[in-house]
Amino acid sequence: MTEQSFYERYWGKEPASKGKGVAELPPEWDEESLERILKFCSDKIQGRVLDVGCGDGFFTAQIMQRFNLKNVYGLDISSKAIDLACLKYPEINFRQSSLNHIPEETNSIDSVTMIEVIEHLVDIEGTLKELIRIMKPGGILLITTTDFNWLKQVIIAVFFFEKYFYPTNPHIRFFKKSTLADVLSKNGFSIKKYAWNGDYLKIMPRGQMILAQKII
């Protein structure tokens, strides 16, 4: 499986192996970013929760602890990431799986989190349809991803094109607020809440956060 092999290598990289592009290594969390996301979704993530693309399980563990949840699960395509997650957080059930064939029953999940994941997906529509299948009616989906607003597009095109679009970068999808909302609405979700995920000098967003609800 080509996609799985890529992410096995991705999670096996050391900091010294950082290449020429952005996001070529697994992300490192900072307290400000974590608190911003948790505050954004604090009253919505509840019930039986699945963290898809969970990586080493850090965010999975945070929502379980901070929101006092009992049924939180993590899923990732990389077995190396899942091994790390199980080692760090043995109290949580982590499983290795493709996001297009999730091992959950239909209408069984209350909330799904996708933290900096959707920009990595080859088949976005396939994954969203699978999320619709496993989520309960009215279920909530949290997505965070980058924001390629028009000003950022200009700056990247002029100064950082090769860095952002280097061939080995794991980011293969790029979203504006409007395009992310459009993809979600065409695949069974309604946008309920939106916010910037950080900013550059208060001028433009670094990323975006969306809470969407299953409507089909």
C-alpha atoms as a PDB file:
ATOM      1  CA  MET A   1       0.000   0.000   0.000  1.00  0.00           C
ATOM      2  CA  THR A   2       1.809   3.098  -1.261  1.00  0.00           C
ATOM      3  CA  GLU A   3       0.090   5.633   1.004  1.00  0.00           C
ATOM      4  CA  GLN A   4       0.714   3.552   4.119  1.00  0.00           C
ATOM      5  CA  SER A   5       4.370   3.042   3.170  1.00  0.00           C
ATOM      6  CA  PHE A   6       4.809   6.800   2.805  1.00  0.00           C
ATOM      7  CA  TYR A   7       3.489   7.432   6.319  1.00  0.00           C
ATOM      8  CA  GLU A   8       5.530   4.601   7.820  1.00  0.00           C
ATOM      9  CA  ARG A   9       8.600   6.483   6.575  1.00  0.00           C
ATOM     10  CA  TYR A  10       7.107   9.808   7.699  1.00  0.00           C
ATOM     11  CA  TRP A  11       6.705   8.612  11.303  1.00  0.00           C
ATOM     12  CA  GLY A  12      10.109   6.945  11.247  1.00  0.00           C
ATOM     13  CA  LYS A  13      12.032  10.108  10.377  1.00  0.00           C
ATOM     14  CA  GLU A  14      14.429  11.812  12.765  1.00  0.00           C
ATOM     15  CA  PRO A  15      14.666  15.636  13.091  1.00  0.00           C
ATOM     16  CA  ALA A  16      18.016  15.576  11.295  1.00  0.00           C
ATOM     17  CA  SER A  17      16.288  14.179   8.201  1.00  0.00           C
ATOM     18  CA  LYS A  18      14.188  17.290   7.567  1.00  0.00           C
ATOM     19  CA  GLY A  19      14.164  18.036   3.854  1.00  0.00           C
ATOM     20  CA  LYS A  20      13.642  21.120   1.712  1.00  0.00           C
ATOM     21  CA  GLY A  21       9.887  21.446   2.109  1.00  0.00           C
ATOM     22  CA  VAL A  22       7.459  22.314   4.890  1.00  0.00           C
ATOM     23  CA  ALA A  23       5.748  19.723   7.111  1.00  0.00           C
ATOM     24  CA  GLU A  24       8.105  16.908   6.164  1.00  0.00           C
ATOM     25  CA  LEU A  25       8.301  15.776   9.799  1.00  0.00           C
ATOM     26  CA  PRO A  26       5.512  14.869  12.258  1.00  0.00           C
ATOM     27  CA  PRO A  27       4.126  18.008  13.959  1.00  0.00           C
ATOM     28  CA  GLU A  28       5.247  19.302  17.335  1.00  0.00           C
ATOM     29  CA  TRP A  29       2.544  20.750  19.574  1.00  0.00           C
ATOM     30  CA  ASP A  30       2.800  24.046  21.407  1.00  0.00           C
ATOM     31  CA  GLU A  31       0.586  25.017  24.338  1.00  0.00           C
ATOM     32  CA  GLU A  32      -0.976  28.037  22.611  1.00  0.00           C
ATOM     33  CA  SER A  33      -2.147  26.029  19.587  1.00  0.00           C
ATOM     34  CA  LEU A  34      -3.486  23.233  21.756  1.00  0.00           C
ATOM     35  CA  GLU A  35      -5.471  25.584  23.999  1.00  0.00           C
ATOM     36  CA  ARG A  36      -6.901  27.457  21.019  1.00  0.00           C
ATOM     37  CA  ILE A  37      -8.261  24.269  19.436  1.00  0.00           C
ATOM     38  CA  LEU A  38      -9.585  22.873  22.717  1.00  0.00           C
ATOM     39  CA  LYS A  39     -11.388  26.131  23.484  1.00  0.00           C
ATOM     40  CA  PHE A  40     -12.902  26.191  19.990  1.00  0.00           C
ATOM     41  CA  CYS A  41     -14.457  22.722  20.316  1.00  0.00           C
ATOM     42  CA  SER A  42     -14.892  22.353  24.087  1.00  0.00           C
ATOM     43  CA  ASP A  43     -18.705  22.284  24.182  1.00  0.00           C
ATOM     44  CA  LYS A  44     -19.157  20.108  21.074  1.00  0.00           C
ATOM     45  CA  ILE A  45     -16.839  17.092  21.274  1.00  0.00           C
ATOM     46  CA  GLN A  46     -18.673  14.533  23.352  1.00  0.00           C
ATOM     47  CA  GLY A  47     -20.015  10.985  23.515  1.00  0.00           C
ATOM     48  CA  ARG A  48     -18.142   8.326  21.550  1.00  0.00           C
ATOM     49  CA  VAL A  49     -15.224  10.113  19.870  1.00  0.00           C
ATOM     50  CA  LEU A  50     -12.897   8.984  17.075  1.00  0.00           C
ATOM     51  CA  ASP A  51      -9.661  10.882  16.376  1.00  0.00           C
ATOM     52  CA  VAL A  52      -8.795  10.047  12.754  1.00  0.00           C
ATOM     53  CA  GLY A  53      -5.214  10.534  11.632  1.00  0.00           C
ATOM     54  CA  CYS A  54      -4.290  10.505  15.310  1.00  0.00           C
ATOM     55  CA  GLY A  55      -0.544  10.134  14.795  1.00  0.00           C
ATOM     56  CA  ASP A  56       1.234   9.487  18.102  1.00  0.00           C
ATOM     57  CA  GLY A  57      -2.018  10.063  20.036  1.00  0.00           C
ATOM     58  CA  PHE A  58      -1.193  13.380  21.696  1.00  0.00           C
ATOM     59  CA  PHE A  59      -4.423  15.189  20.761  1.00  0.00           C
ATOM     60  CA  THR A  60      -6.467  12.031  21.368  1.00  0.00           C
ATOM     61  CA  ALA A  61      -5.195  11.935  24.942  1.00  0.00           C
ATOM     62  CA  GLN A  62      -5.755  15.656  25.431  1.00  0.00           C
ATOM     63  CA  ILE A  63      -9.450  15.600  24.511  1.00  0.00           C
ATOM     64  CA  MET A  64      -9.988  12.516  26.645  1.00  0.00           C
ATOM     65  CA  GLN A  65      -8.405  14.152  29.699  1.00  0.00           C
ATOM     66  CA  ARG A  66      -9.559  17.753  29.244  1.00  0.00           C
ATOM     67  CA  PHE A  67     -13.177  16.930  28.384  1.00  0.00           C
ATOM     68  CA  ASN A  68     -13.431  13.991  30.805  1.00  0.00           C
ATOM     69  CA  LEU A  69     -14.489  11.596  28.060  1.00  0.00           C
ATOM     70  CA  LYS A  70     -14.733   7.833  28.515  1.00  0.00           C
ATOM     71  CA  ASN A  71     -15.005   6.524  24.946  1.00  0.00           C
ATOM     72  CA  VAL A  72     -12.203   8.030  22.867  1.00  0.00           C
ATOM     73  CA  TYR A  73     -10.422   6.091  20.124  1.00  0.00           C
ATOM     74  CA  GLY A  74      -7.570   6.855  17.748  1.00  0.00           C
ATOM     75  CA  LEU A  75      -7.022   5.747  14.156  1.00  0.00           C
ATOM     76  CA  ASP A  76      -4.057   6.202  11.815  1.00  0.00           C
ATOM     77  CA  ILE A  77      -2.824   4.651   8.596  1.00  0.00           C
ATOM     78  CA  SER A  78       0.714   4.299   9.975  1.00  0.00           C
ATOM     79  CA  SER A  79       1.477   1.311  12.197  1.00  0.00           C
ATOM     80  CA  LYS A  80       4.568   3.157  13.494  1.00  0.00           C
ATOM     81  CA  ALA A  81       2.379   6.047  14.637  1.00  0.00           C
ATOM     82  CA  ILE A  82      -0.037   3.624  16.306  1.00  0.00           C
ATOM     83  CA  ASP A  83       2.843   1.848  18.063  1.00  0.00           C
ATOM     84  CA  LEU A  84       4.006   5.209  19.448  1.00  0.00           C
ATOM     85  CA  ALA A  85       0.477   6.118  20.539  1.00  0.00           C
ATOM     86  CA  CYS A  86      -0.037   2.776  22.327  1.00  0.00           C
ATOM     87  CA  LEU A  87       3.290   3.173  24.102  1.00  0.00           C
ATOM     88  CA  LYS A  88       2.560   6.736  25.256  1.00  0.00           C
ATOM     89  CA  TYR A  89      -1.123   6.296  26.106  1.00  0.00           C
ATOM     90  CA  PRO A  90      -1.853   2.628  26.894  1.00  0.00           C
ATOM     91  CA  GLU A  91      -5.236   3.532  28.394  1.00  0.00           C
ATOM     92  CA  ILE A  92      -6.592   4.510  24.940  1.00  0.00           C
ATOM     93  CA  ASN A  93      -7.615   2.135  22.152  1.00  0.00           C
ATOM     94  CA  PHE A  94      -5.597   2.929  19.011  1.00  0.00           C
ATOM     95  CA  ARG A  95      -5.958   1.082  15.713  1.00  0.00           C
ATOM     96  CA  GLN A  96      -4.179   1.079  12.371  1.00  0.00           C
ATOM     97  CA  SER A  97      -6.482   1.549   9.388  1.00  0.00           C
ATOM     98  CA  SER A  98      -7.083   3.407   6.166  1.00  0.00           C
ATOM     99  CA  LEU A  99      -9.448   6.344   6.597  1.00  0.00           C
ATOM    100  CA  ASN A 100     -11.535   5.061   3.680  1.00  0.00           C
ATOM    101  CA  HIS A 101     -12.325   1.764   5.439  1.00  0.00           C
ATOM    102  CA  ILE A 102     -12.806   2.627   9.103  1.00  0.00           C
ATOM    103  CA  PRO A 103     -13.465  -0.357  11.394  1.00  0.00           C
ATOM    104  CA  GLU A 104     -16.550   1.142  13.050  1.00  0.00           C
ATOM    105  CA  GLU A 105     -20.224   0.290  12.750  1.00  0.00           C
ATOM    106  CA  THR A 106     -22.604   2.559  10.837  1.00  0.00           C
ATOM    107  CA  ASN A 107     -24.078   5.409  12.934  1.00  0.00           C
ATOM    108  CA  SER A 108     -21.877   4.576  15.929  1.00  0.00           C
ATOM    109  CA  ILE A 109     -19.706   7.690  16.496  1.00  0.00           C
ATOM    110  CA  ASP A 110     -20.880  10.963  18.086  1.00  0.00           C
ATOM    111  CA  SER A 111     -17.834  13.113  17.289  1.00  0.00           C
ATOM    112  CA  VAL A 112     -14.870  12.896  14.920  1.00  0.00           C
ATOM    113  CA  THR A 113     -11.690  14.957  15.105  1.00  0.00           C
ATOM    114  CA  MET A 114      -9.302  15.499  12.166  1.00  0.00           C
ATOM    115  CA  ILE A 115      -6.382  17.623  13.325  1.00  0.00           C
ATOM    116  CA  GLU A 116      -4.123  18.684  10.426  1.00  0.00           C
ATOM    117  CA  VAL A 117      -5.138  15.579   8.468  1.00  0.00           C
ATOM    118  CA  ILE A 118      -7.380  16.519   5.545  1.00  0.00           C
ATOM    119  CA  GLU A 119      -4.519  18.222   3.679  1.00  0.00           C
ATOM    120  CA  HIS A 120      -2.738  14.826   3.570  1.00  0.00           C
ATOM    121  CA  LEU A 121      -5.571  12.855   1.974  1.00  0.00           C
ATOM    122  CA  VAL A 122      -5.517  11.471  -1.555  1.00  0.00           C
ATOM    123  CA  ASP A 123      -9.244  10.663  -1.591  1.00  0.00           C
ATOM    124  CA  ILE A 124     -10.972  13.384   0.443  1.00  0.00           C
ATOM    125  CA  GLU A 125     -14.463  12.521  -0.778  1.00  0.00           C
ATOM    126  CA  GLY A 126     -13.961   8.838   0.019  1.00  0.00           C
ATOM    127  CA  THR A 127     -12.899   9.661   3.575  1.00  0.00           C
ATOM    128  CA  LEU A 128     -15.756  12.113   4.154  1.00  0.00           C
ATOM    129  CA  LYS A 129     -18.285   9.562   2.888  1.00  0.00           C
ATOM    130  CA  GLU A 130     -16.835   7.008   5.291  1.00  0.00           C
ATOM    131  CA  LEU A 131     -17.133   9.517   8.144  1.00  0.00           C
ATOM    132  CA  ILE A 132     -20.767  10.120   7.210  1.00  0.00           C
ATOM    133  CA  ARG A 133     -21.315   6.355   7.381  1.00  0.00           C
ATOM    134  CA  ILE A 134     -19.869   5.866  10.871  1.00  0.00           C
ATOM    135  CA  MET A 135     -21.219   9.075  12.456  1.00  0.00           C
ATOM    136  CA  LYS A 136     -24.574   9.268  14.191  1.00  0.00           C
ATOM    137  CA  PRO A 137     -27.224  11.648  12.781  1.00  0.00           C
ATOM    138  CA  GLY A 138     -26.287  15.152  13.923  1.00  0.00           C
ATOM    139  CA  GLY A 139     -22.728  14.047  14.750  1.00  0.00           C
ATOM    140  CA  ILE A 140     -19.995  16.664  14.955  1.00  0.00           C
ATOM    141  CA  LEU A 141     -16.784  16.791  12.902  1.00  0.00           C
ATOM    142  CA  LEU A 142     -13.833  18.970  13.947  1.00  0.00           C
ATOM    143  CA  ILE A 143     -11.305  19.823  11.229  1.00  0.00           C
ATOM    144  CA  THR A 144      -8.177  21.936  11.438  1.00  0.00           C
ATOM    145  CA  THR A 145      -6.036  22.608   8.392  1.00  0.00           C
ATOM    146  CA  THR A 146      -3.966  25.316   6.751  1.00  0.00           C
ATOM    147  CA  ASP A 147      -5.597  28.358   5.105  1.00  0.00           C
ATOM    148  CA  PHE A 148      -4.500  29.394   1.628  1.00  0.00           C
ATOM    149  CA  ASN A 149      -6.266  32.752   1.484  1.00  0.00           C
ATOM    150  CA  TRP A 150      -5.442  35.063  -1.418  1.00  0.00           C
ATOM    151  CA  LEU A 151      -2.732  37.058   0.432  1.00  0.00           C
ATOM    152  CA  LYS A 152      -0.956  33.888   1.520  1.00  0.00           C
ATOM    153  CA  GLN A 153      -1.166  32.563  -2.042  1.00  0.00           C
ATOM    154  CA  VAL A 154       0.602  35.680  -3.353  1.00  0.00           C
ATOM    155  CA  ILE A 155       3.343  35.578  -0.710  1.00  0.00           C
ATOM    156  CA  ILE A 156       3.992  31.869  -1.265  1.00  0.00           C
ATOM    157  CA  ALA A 157       3.999  32.233  -5.049  1.00  0.00           C
ATOM    158  CA  VAL A 158       6.574  35.038  -4.893  1.00  0.00           C
ATOM    159  CA  PHE A 159       8.835  33.897  -2.058  1.00  0.00           C
ATOM    160  CA  PHE A 160       8.168  30.314  -0.894  1.00  0.00           C
ATOM    161  CA  PHE A 161       6.721  28.321  -3.801  1.00  0.00           C
ATOM    162  CA  GLU A 162       9.340  25.567  -3.839  1.00  0.00           C
ATOM    163  CA  LYS A 163       9.267  25.225  -0.051  1.00  0.00           C
ATOM    164  CA  TYR A 164       5.476  24.695   0.053  1.00  0.00           C
ATOM    165  CA  PHE A 165       5.220  22.582  -3.091  1.00  0.00           C
ATOM    166  CA  TYR A 166       8.400  20.530  -2.893  1.00  0.00           C
ATOM    167  CA  PRO A 167       7.635  17.085  -4.422  1.00  0.00           C
ATOM    168  CA  THR A 168       8.131  15.098  -1.192  1.00  0.00           C
ATOM    169  CA  ASN A 169       5.903  17.302   0.992  1.00  0.00           C
ATOM    170  CA  PRO A 170       3.117  15.338   2.711  1.00  0.00           C
ATOM    171  CA  HIS A 171       0.655  18.220   2.214  1.00  0.00           C
ATOM    172  CA  ILE A 172      -1.076  17.502  -1.088  1.00  0.00           C
ATOM    173  CA  ARG A 173      -4.337  19.484  -0.645  1.00  0.00           C
ATOM    174  CA  PHE A 174      -4.714  23.209  -0.027  1.00  0.00           C
ATOM    175  CA  PHE A 175      -7.840  24.939   1.234  1.00  0.00           C
ATOM    176  CA  LYS A 176      -9.391  28.357   1.460  1.00  0.00           C
ATOM    177  CA  LYS A 177     -12.343  28.858   3.792  1.00  0.00           C
ATOM    178  CA  SER A 178     -14.708  28.673   0.816  1.00  0.00           C
ATOM    179  CA  THR A 179     -13.248  25.516  -0.746  1.00  0.00           C
ATOM    180  CA  LEU A 180     -13.176  23.607   2.537  1.00  0.00           C
ATOM    181  CA  ALA A 181     -16.789  24.563   3.229  1.00  0.00           C
ATOM    182  CA  ASP A 182     -17.763  23.548  -0.304  1.00  0.00           C
ATOM    183  CA  VAL A 183     -16.158  20.091  -0.055  1.00  0.00           C
ATOM    184  CA  LEU A 184     -17.850  19.474   3.294  1.00  0.00           C
ATOM    185  CA  SER A 185     -21.283  20.626   2.131  1.00  0.00           C
ATOM    186  CA  LYS A 186     -21.125  18.427  -0.987  1.00  0.00           C
ATOM    187  CA  ASN A 187     -20.387  15.398   1.174  1.00  0.00           C
ATOM    188  CA  GLY A 188     -23.118  15.650   3.796  1.00  0.00           C
ATOM    189  CA  PHE A 189     -21.905  18.217   6.329  1.00  0.00           C
ATOM    190  CA  SER A 190     -23.189  21.618   7.418  1.00  0.00           C
ATOM    191  CA  ILE A 191     -20.777  24.233   8.828  1.00  0.00           C
ATOM    192  CA  LYS A 192     -21.707  25.217  12.383  1.00  0.00           C
ATOM    193  CA  LYS A 193     -18.650  27.159  13.576  1.00  0.00           C
ATOM    194  CA  TYR A 194     -15.547  28.659  11.968  1.00  0.00           C
ATOM    195  CA  ALA A 195     -12.438  30.435  13.281  1.00  0.00           C
ATOM    196  CA  TRP A 196      -8.864  31.249  12.387  1.00  0.00           C
ATOM    197  CA  ASN A 197      -6.295  28.868  13.848  1.00  0.00           C
ATOM    198  CA  GLY A 198      -3.601  31.411  14.667  1.00  0.00           C
ATOM    199  CA  ASP A 199      -2.598  34.380  12.543  1.00  0.00           C
ATOM    200  CA  TYR A 200       0.238  36.330  10.978  1.00  0.00           C
ATOM    201  CA  LEU A 201       0.390  39.789  12.613  1.00  0.00           C
ATOM    202  CA  LYS A 202      -3.442  39.811  12.877  1.00  0.00           C
ATOM    203  CA  ILE A 203      -3.526  40.263   9.080  1.00  0.00           C
ATOM    204  CA  MET A 204      -4.241  36.758   7.839  1.00  0.00           C
ATOM    205  CA  PRO A 205      -4.861  33.320   9.319  1.00  0.00           C
ATOM    206  CA  ARG A 206      -2.178  30.681   9.719  1.00  0.00           C
ATOM    207  CA  GLY A 207      -4.845  27.993   9.559  1.00  0.00           C
ATOM    208  CA  GLN A 208      -8.541  27.394  10.019  1.00  0.00           C
ATOM    209  CA  MET A 209     -10.811  25.469  12.381  1.00  0.00           C
ATOM    210  CA  ILE A 210     -14.253  24.191  11.427  1.00  0.00           C
ATOM    211  CA  LEU A 211     -16.979  22.407  13.339  1.00  0.00           C
ATOM    212  CA  ALA A 212     -19.364  20.690  10.922  1.00  0.00           C
ATOM    213  CA  GLN A 213     -22.472  18.612  11.543  1.00  0.00           C
ATOM    214  CA  LYS A 214     -23.658  15.505   9.707  1.00  0.00           C
ATOM    215  CA  ILE A 215     -26.855  16.373   7.864  1.00  0.00           C
ATOM    216  CA  ILE A 216     -27.511  13.190   5.829  1.00  0.00           C
END
